[in-house]
Protein backbone atom coordinates (compact mmCIF):
# COMPACT_ATOMS: atom_id res chain seq x y z
CA MET A 1 -6.27 -24.79 -2.51
CA ARG A 2 -6.98 -26.01 1.01
CA TYR A 3 -4.60 -25.23 3.85
CA ASP A 4 -4.11 -26.17 7.46
CA ILE A 5 -2.61 -23.21 9.33
CA ARG A 6 -0.86 -23.35 12.68
CA LEU A 7 0.52 -20.30 14.43
CA SER A 8 2.08 -19.89 17.86
CA ILE A 9 3.22 -16.58 19.33
CA ASP A 10 4.88 -16.71 22.74
CA TYR A 11 5.77 -13.86 25.11
CA ALA A 12 7.94 -14.13 28.20
CA TYR A 13 8.07 -11.01 30.44
CA ALA A 14 11.10 -10.05 32.54
CA ALA A 15 8.81 -9.43 35.48
CA PRO A 16 5.21 -10.63 35.91
CA SER A 17 2.70 -8.06 34.70
CA ASP A 18 -0.13 -7.27 37.15
CA HIS A 19 -2.27 -5.96 34.31
CA LEU A 20 -2.08 -7.11 30.70
CA ARG A 21 -4.43 -6.44 27.83
CA ASN A 22 -4.07 -7.52 24.16
CA LEU A 23 -5.98 -6.98 20.93
CA LEU A 24 -5.45 -9.81 18.46
CA ARG A 25 -6.14 -10.00 14.75
CA LEU A 26 -5.11 -13.55 13.94
CA LEU A 27 -8.24 -15.33 12.67
CA PRO A 28 -8.37 -15.91 8.88
CA ALA A 29 -11.15 -13.99 7.09
CA GLU A 30 -14.22 -15.33 5.35
CA ILE A 31 -14.31 -13.69 1.90
CA PRO A 32 -17.22 -14.68 -0.37
CA GLY A 33 -15.92 -16.03 -3.68
CA ARG A 34 -12.28 -15.89 -2.62
CA GLN A 35 -11.68 -17.52 0.75
CA ARG A 36 -13.68 -20.02 2.73
CA VAL A 37 -12.97 -20.74 6.40
CA TRP A 38 -13.88 -24.27 7.52
CA THR A 39 -12.51 -24.04 11.06
CA ARG A 40 -10.59 -21.49 13.04
CA ARG A 41 -9.69 -21.56 16.75
CA LEU A 42 -7.59 -19.18 18.79
CA THR A 43 -6.36 -20.49 22.14
CA VAL A 44 -4.96 -18.05 24.71
CA THR A 45 -2.84 -19.26 27.62
CA PRO A 46 -3.15 -18.60 30.48
CA THR A 47 -6.93 -18.28 30.26
CA PRO A 48 -7.72 -14.51 30.43
CA GLU A 49 -10.25 -13.02 32.86
CA GLU A 50 -11.80 -11.16 29.93
CA ARG A 51 -12.28 -12.22 26.32
CA ARG A 52 -14.41 -10.72 23.60
CA ASP A 53 -14.56 -11.63 19.90
CA LEU A 54 -15.95 -8.90 17.65
CA PRO A 55 -15.53 -7.33 14.16
CA ASP A 56 -13.81 -4.01 13.61
CA PHE A 57 -14.87 -1.31 11.12
CA PHE A 58 -13.23 -3.07 8.19
CA GLY A 59 -14.84 -6.42 9.05
CA ASN A 60 -11.69 -8.01 10.51
CA TRP A 61 -12.30 -10.41 13.40
CA MET A 62 -10.69 -9.12 16.64
CA THR A 63 -10.09 -10.91 19.92
CA SER A 64 -9.74 -8.72 22.97
CA VAL A 65 -8.21 -10.38 26.04
CA ALA A 66 -7.17 -9.15 29.50
CA TRP A 67 -5.65 -10.51 32.66
CA HIS A 68 -5.98 -8.91 36.11
CA HIS A 69 -3.54 -11.17 37.96
CA PRO A 70 0.24 -11.41 37.53
CA VAL A 71 1.22 -12.97 34.19
CA ALA A 72 4.80 -13.96 33.45
CA GLU A 73 4.16 -15.59 30.07
CA ALA A 74 1.41 -15.44 27.41
CA GLN A 75 0.85 -17.69 24.44
CA PHE A 76 -1.48 -17.30 21.47
CA GLU A 77 -2.12 -20.39 19.31
CA LEU A 78 -4.13 -20.44 16.09
CA SER A 79 -5.33 -23.53 14.24
CA ALA A 80 -7.39 -23.09 11.07
CA ARG A 81 -8.46 -24.85 7.91
CA VAL A 82 -9.02 -22.53 4.97
CA ASP A 83 -9.81 -22.79 1.25
CA ARG A 84 -8.21 -20.11 -0.96
CA LEU A 85 -10.28 -20.25 -4.11
CA ALA A 86 -8.52 -20.05 -7.47
CA ALA A 87 -9.65 -17.27 -9.76
CA PRO A 88 -8.84 -16.73 -13.47
CA GLU A 89 -6.53 -13.90 -14.30
CA PRO A 90 -8.88 -10.90 -14.70
CA LEU A 91 -9.09 -8.80 -17.81
CA ASP A 92 -7.99 -5.22 -17.31
CA LEU A 93 -11.33 -3.39 -17.18
CA SER A 94 -10.01 -0.55 -15.06
CA PRO A 95 -10.27 3.05 -16.22
CA PRO A 96 -7.38 5.25 -17.25
CA LEU A 97 -5.81 6.98 -14.26
CA HIS A 98 -7.24 10.34 -15.22
CA ASP A 99 -10.76 8.91 -15.03
CA LEU A 100 -10.40 7.03 -11.76
CA GLN A 101 -11.23 9.97 -9.46
CA ALA A 102 -14.72 10.27 -10.91
CA GLU A 103 -15.38 6.58 -10.11
CA ILE A 104 -14.01 7.02 -6.57
CA THR A 105 -16.35 9.95 -6.02
CA ALA A 106 -19.31 7.90 -7.23
CA GLU A 107 -18.50 5.21 -4.60
CA MET A 108 -18.22 7.62 -1.67
CA THR A 109 -20.27 5.87 1.01
CA LEU A 110 -19.84 4.75 4.60
CA SER A 111 -19.16 1.15 3.51
CA PRO A 112 -15.84 -0.16 4.88
CA ALA A 113 -14.90 -1.17 1.35
CA ALA A 114 -15.51 2.32 -0.11
CA PRO A 115 -12.27 3.38 -1.85
CA HIS A 116 -12.12 6.92 -0.37
CA HIS A 117 -11.17 5.42 3.06
CA PHE A 118 -7.93 4.27 1.47
CA LEU A 119 -6.87 7.38 -0.49
CA GLY A 120 -5.70 9.92 2.15
CA ALA A 121 -2.98 9.78 4.77
CA SER A 122 -3.12 7.14 7.48
CA PRO A 123 -1.05 6.67 10.66
CA ARG A 124 1.88 4.94 8.94
CA VAL A 125 1.44 6.09 5.35
CA THR A 126 1.72 9.84 4.75
CA PRO A 127 2.36 11.80 1.60
CA CYS A 128 5.97 11.51 0.40
CA SER A 129 7.21 13.49 -2.64
CA GLU A 130 10.06 11.06 -3.37
CA ILE A 131 7.75 8.04 -3.41
CA THR A 132 5.16 9.83 -5.55
CA ALA A 133 7.86 10.77 -8.07
CA PHE A 134 8.99 7.16 -8.12
CA ALA A 135 5.41 6.02 -8.81
CA ARG A 136 4.92 8.49 -11.66
CA ALA A 137 8.20 7.39 -13.26
CA ALA A 138 7.23 3.74 -13.00
CA CYS A 139 3.83 4.07 -14.71
CA PRO A 140 3.54 3.54 -18.44
CA ARG A 141 2.10 6.32 -20.55
CA ASN A 142 -1.71 6.24 -20.61
CA ALA A 143 -1.73 3.64 -17.83
CA THR A 144 -4.93 2.20 -16.52
CA ALA A 145 -5.42 1.82 -12.80
CA ALA A 146 -4.68 -1.91 -12.88
CA SER A 147 -1.60 -1.61 -15.12
CA ALA A 148 -0.26 1.14 -12.84
CA VAL A 149 -0.59 -1.18 -9.80
CA ALA A 150 1.42 -3.92 -11.52
CA ALA A 151 4.01 -1.50 -12.88
CA ILE A 152 4.66 0.13 -9.48
CA GLY A 153 4.81 -3.22 -7.71
CA HIS A 154 7.29 -4.50 -10.30
CA ALA A 155 9.44 -1.40 -10.11
CA LEU A 156 9.51 -1.46 -6.33
CA TYR A 157 10.59 -5.11 -6.35
CA HIS A 158 13.57 -4.20 -8.50
CA ARG A 159 14.48 -1.03 -6.53
CA MET A 160 14.30 -2.40 -2.98
CA THR A 161 16.10 -5.33 -1.38
CA PHE A 162 14.52 -7.65 1.13
CA ASP A 163 16.59 -7.41 4.30
CA ALA A 164 15.21 -8.77 7.57
CA GLU A 165 17.88 -6.85 9.58
CA ALA A 166 17.35 -3.42 7.97
CA THR A 167 14.16 -2.30 9.71
CA THR A 168 11.97 -2.88 12.74
CA VAL A 169 8.20 -2.80 13.05
CA ASP A 170 8.41 0.92 13.86
CA THR A 171 10.75 2.02 11.00
CA PRO A 172 9.19 4.97 9.14
CA MET A 173 8.10 4.20 5.59
CA ARG A 174 10.27 6.97 4.04
CA GLU A 175 13.40 5.67 5.77
CA ALA A 176 12.92 2.17 4.31
CA PHE A 177 12.38 3.69 0.83
CA VAL A 178 15.41 5.98 1.04
CA ASN A 179 17.63 3.09 2.16
CA ARG A 180 15.98 0.76 -0.38
CA ARG A 181 15.86 -2.06 2.16
CA GLY A 182 13.23 -3.64 4.33
CA VAL A 183 10.75 -6.50 4.89
CA CYS A 184 7.28 -7.15 3.53
CA GLN A 185 5.75 -4.51 5.85
CA ASP A 186 8.07 -1.86 4.38
CA PHE A 187 7.54 -2.93 0.75
CA THR A 188 3.75 -2.78 1.40
CA HIS A 189 3.75 0.65 3.07
CA VAL A 190 5.90 2.13 0.32
CA MET A 191 3.71 0.72 -2.40
CA ILE A 192 0.57 2.03 -0.67
CA ALA A 193 2.14 5.51 -0.51
CA ALA A 194 3.14 5.27 -4.18
CA LEU A 195 -0.40 4.31 -5.28
CA ARG A 196 -2.11 6.92 -3.12
CA GLY A 197 0.34 9.55 -4.41
CA ILE A 198 -1.00 9.08 -7.95
CA GLY A 199 -4.65 8.84 -6.89
CA ILE A 200 -5.18 5.06 -6.52
CA PRO A 201 -6.85 3.98 -3.27
CA ALA A 202 -4.63 1.38 -1.56
CA GLY A 203 -4.58 -0.56 1.66
CA TYR A 204 -2.70 -3.18 3.66
CA VAL A 205 -3.39 -6.91 3.79
CA SER A 206 -2.10 -9.10 6.65
CA GLY A 207 -2.13 -12.85 6.26
CA PHE A 208 -0.13 -15.99 5.50
CA LEU A 209 1.86 -17.02 2.44
CA ARG A 210 2.53 -20.57 1.43
CA THR A 211 6.29 -20.97 1.03
CA PHE A 212 8.36 -23.59 -0.82
CA PRO A 213 11.62 -25.14 0.44
CA PRO A 214 14.72 -25.05 -1.82
CA PRO A 215 14.78 -27.89 -4.40
CA GLY A 216 15.83 -31.15 -2.81
CA GLU A 217 15.53 -29.86 0.78
CA PRO A 218 12.85 -30.81 3.30
CA ARG A 219 10.25 -28.37 4.48
CA LEU A 220 11.21 -26.98 7.92
CA GLU A 221 8.40 -27.17 10.46
CA GLY A 222 7.45 -23.81 11.89
CA ALA A 223 9.60 -21.86 9.41
CA ASP A 224 6.76 -20.04 7.64
CA ALA A 225 5.75 -16.51 8.69
CA MET A 226 2.97 -13.99 8.53
CA HIS A 227 3.10 -11.82 5.46
CA ALA A 228 1.86 -8.49 4.14
CA TRP A 229 0.80 -7.28 0.67
CA VAL A 230 -1.21 -4.51 -1.02
CA ARG A 231 -4.84 -4.17 -2.04
CA ALA A 232 -5.72 -1.44 -4.57
CA TRP A 233 -9.02 -0.19 -5.90
CA ALA A 234 -9.03 -0.40 -9.72
CA GLY A 235 -12.39 1.13 -10.51
CA ARG A 236 -16.05 0.00 -10.37
CA GLU A 237 -15.64 -2.86 -12.87
CA MET A 238 -12.62 -4.52 -11.25
CA GLY A 239 -12.98 -3.41 -7.65
CA TRP A 240 -10.20 -4.43 -5.28
CA ILE A 241 -7.16 -6.23 -6.62
CA GLU A 242 -4.15 -7.50 -4.62
CA TYR A 243 -0.44 -7.36 -5.39
CA ASP A 244 2.65 -8.54 -3.47
CA PRO A 245 5.56 -6.18 -4.14
CA THR A 246 7.92 -8.28 -1.97
CA ASN A 247 7.61 -11.15 -4.45
CA ASP A 248 6.58 -9.15 -7.57
CA GLN A 249 3.31 -11.00 -8.21
CA PRO A 250 -0.48 -10.76 -7.81
CA ALA A 251 -1.69 -12.31 -4.57
CA GLY A 252 -3.22 -15.58 -5.73
CA GLU A 253 -4.22 -18.85 -4.14
CA ASP A 254 -0.98 -19.15 -2.08
CA TYR A 255 -2.11 -16.14 -0.04
CA ILE A 256 -4.47 -16.49 2.95
CA THR A 257 -5.98 -13.20 4.16
CA VAL A 258 -6.43 -12.44 7.86
CA ALA A 259 -7.15 -8.69 7.95
CA VAL A 260 -7.30 -5.60 5.78
CA GLY A 261 -6.90 -1.94 6.67
CA ARG A 262 -5.32 1.35 5.70
CA ASP A 263 -1.86 0.34 6.99
CA TYR A 264 -0.23 -1.88 9.64
CA ASP A 265 -1.81 0.01 12.52
CA ASP A 266 -5.25 -1.25 11.46
CA VAL A 267 -4.24 -4.88 11.18
CA ALA A 268 -1.42 -5.56 13.70
CA PRO A 269 -1.63 -9.24 14.68
CA VAL A 270 -0.92 -8.47 18.35
CA ARG A 271 -1.24 -5.12 20.09
CA GLY A 272 -1.25 -4.63 23.83
CA ALA A 273 -0.54 -2.73 26.97
CA LEU A 274 0.99 -4.04 30.20
CA ARG A 275 2.22 -2.78 33.51
CA SER A 276 5.54 -4.41 34.30
CA ALA A 277 9.30 -3.87 34.63
CA GLY A 278 11.99 -4.83 32.15
CA GLY A 279 11.52 -6.16 28.63
CA ALA A 280 10.00 -9.18 27.03
CA ASP A 281 11.19 -12.03 24.80
CA THR A 282 9.01 -13.18 21.98
CA SER A 283 9.08 -16.06 19.53
CA GLN A 284 6.82 -17.10 16.68
CA SER A 285 6.21 -20.34 14.74
CA VAL A 286 4.06 -20.61 11.63
CA ASP A 287 3.09 -23.54 9.45
CA VAL A 288 1.03 -23.19 6.25
CA LEU A 289 0.34 -26.76 5.11
CA PRO A 290 -1.32 -27.43 1.73
CA LEU A 291 -3.67 -30.40 1.78
CA GLU A 292 -3.84 -30.89 -1.94
CA ASP A 293 -1.56 -30.14 -4.90
C-alpha cells in the first residue's frame, strides 16, 4: 500500500525563547522488504541557525535543530510518500518460551537489532510484578514466543480501556496498568513490560496508522495521529514481529514505521530544551492518505 503522509506540529511560546534546541524523529524509516520511502521532507520554520540530520544507535533518522535568536513560534512540517509492503501471515516458527533464552544468548552482539538490548529495564519500562503476573496468566500452556506475544496483546486489549483523558505523556507505566486506562503509548509500554517480564525481548515502535472514518461519514482532514505499537523478538527463525495492543492486531500494511527503540524515550517525535518564561501551546495535524485500494 502506498501512502502520502502529511504532518504539522506547531508550538507557540508565551514569551520568545532566546535559545531553543529540538531533536526530531519524524522521518519515516526505510526498512528493506517491509517499507520503502520514495520521498520524505521535513521543513522547519523559522529556519534554524543549526540543523543536522543523522542516524541514532537504532538506525532512526534524527534531525537536530537550534535557534540562537528569539523564537516565539516553531513549526515542523513533514511530507512523505511511503510504500508499506504487504507480507503473508508468517508461520509460527518461534521456539517455546523455555528455549528462547538460549537463542537470545546466541545473538548477543553489538548490532542495534540484537535482542538483548530490549530485554532489561529501560527509562520508561522497569520490572513490575503485577504486569509480569498478568503476562504469565495470559499465556497459554506450552506457549511459543510468537503465540505468547499475541496472547498478551489480546489480553491487554480486553483488560485496558483506551481513554485519551486518563494519562499524559509522563504518566508512569504502572499507573496506567493499575487504572486500566490510557492511550497507545500506555498500552505499548505495559505490553513491553509484560513481554520482558517473561523473557521476551520487546521494544517500542513510533509511526503512523491509517484510520478509517465511520461508515457513511467523510474522512476528516488532519484528524489522523501518530501511533505506537510493540515489536518483539520471537527467535532466530522469525526475528522481530510487531503487534498493536491498542487495536488487538498484528501491525500490517496500515502501519508506517518512523522509529524503533526500547521505549518512548528513544523515539520521542519532538524533544527539546528552551530558555523562556511561561508555557507553550501546541497543536498537531496528521493525514495518512492511501493512494491505492
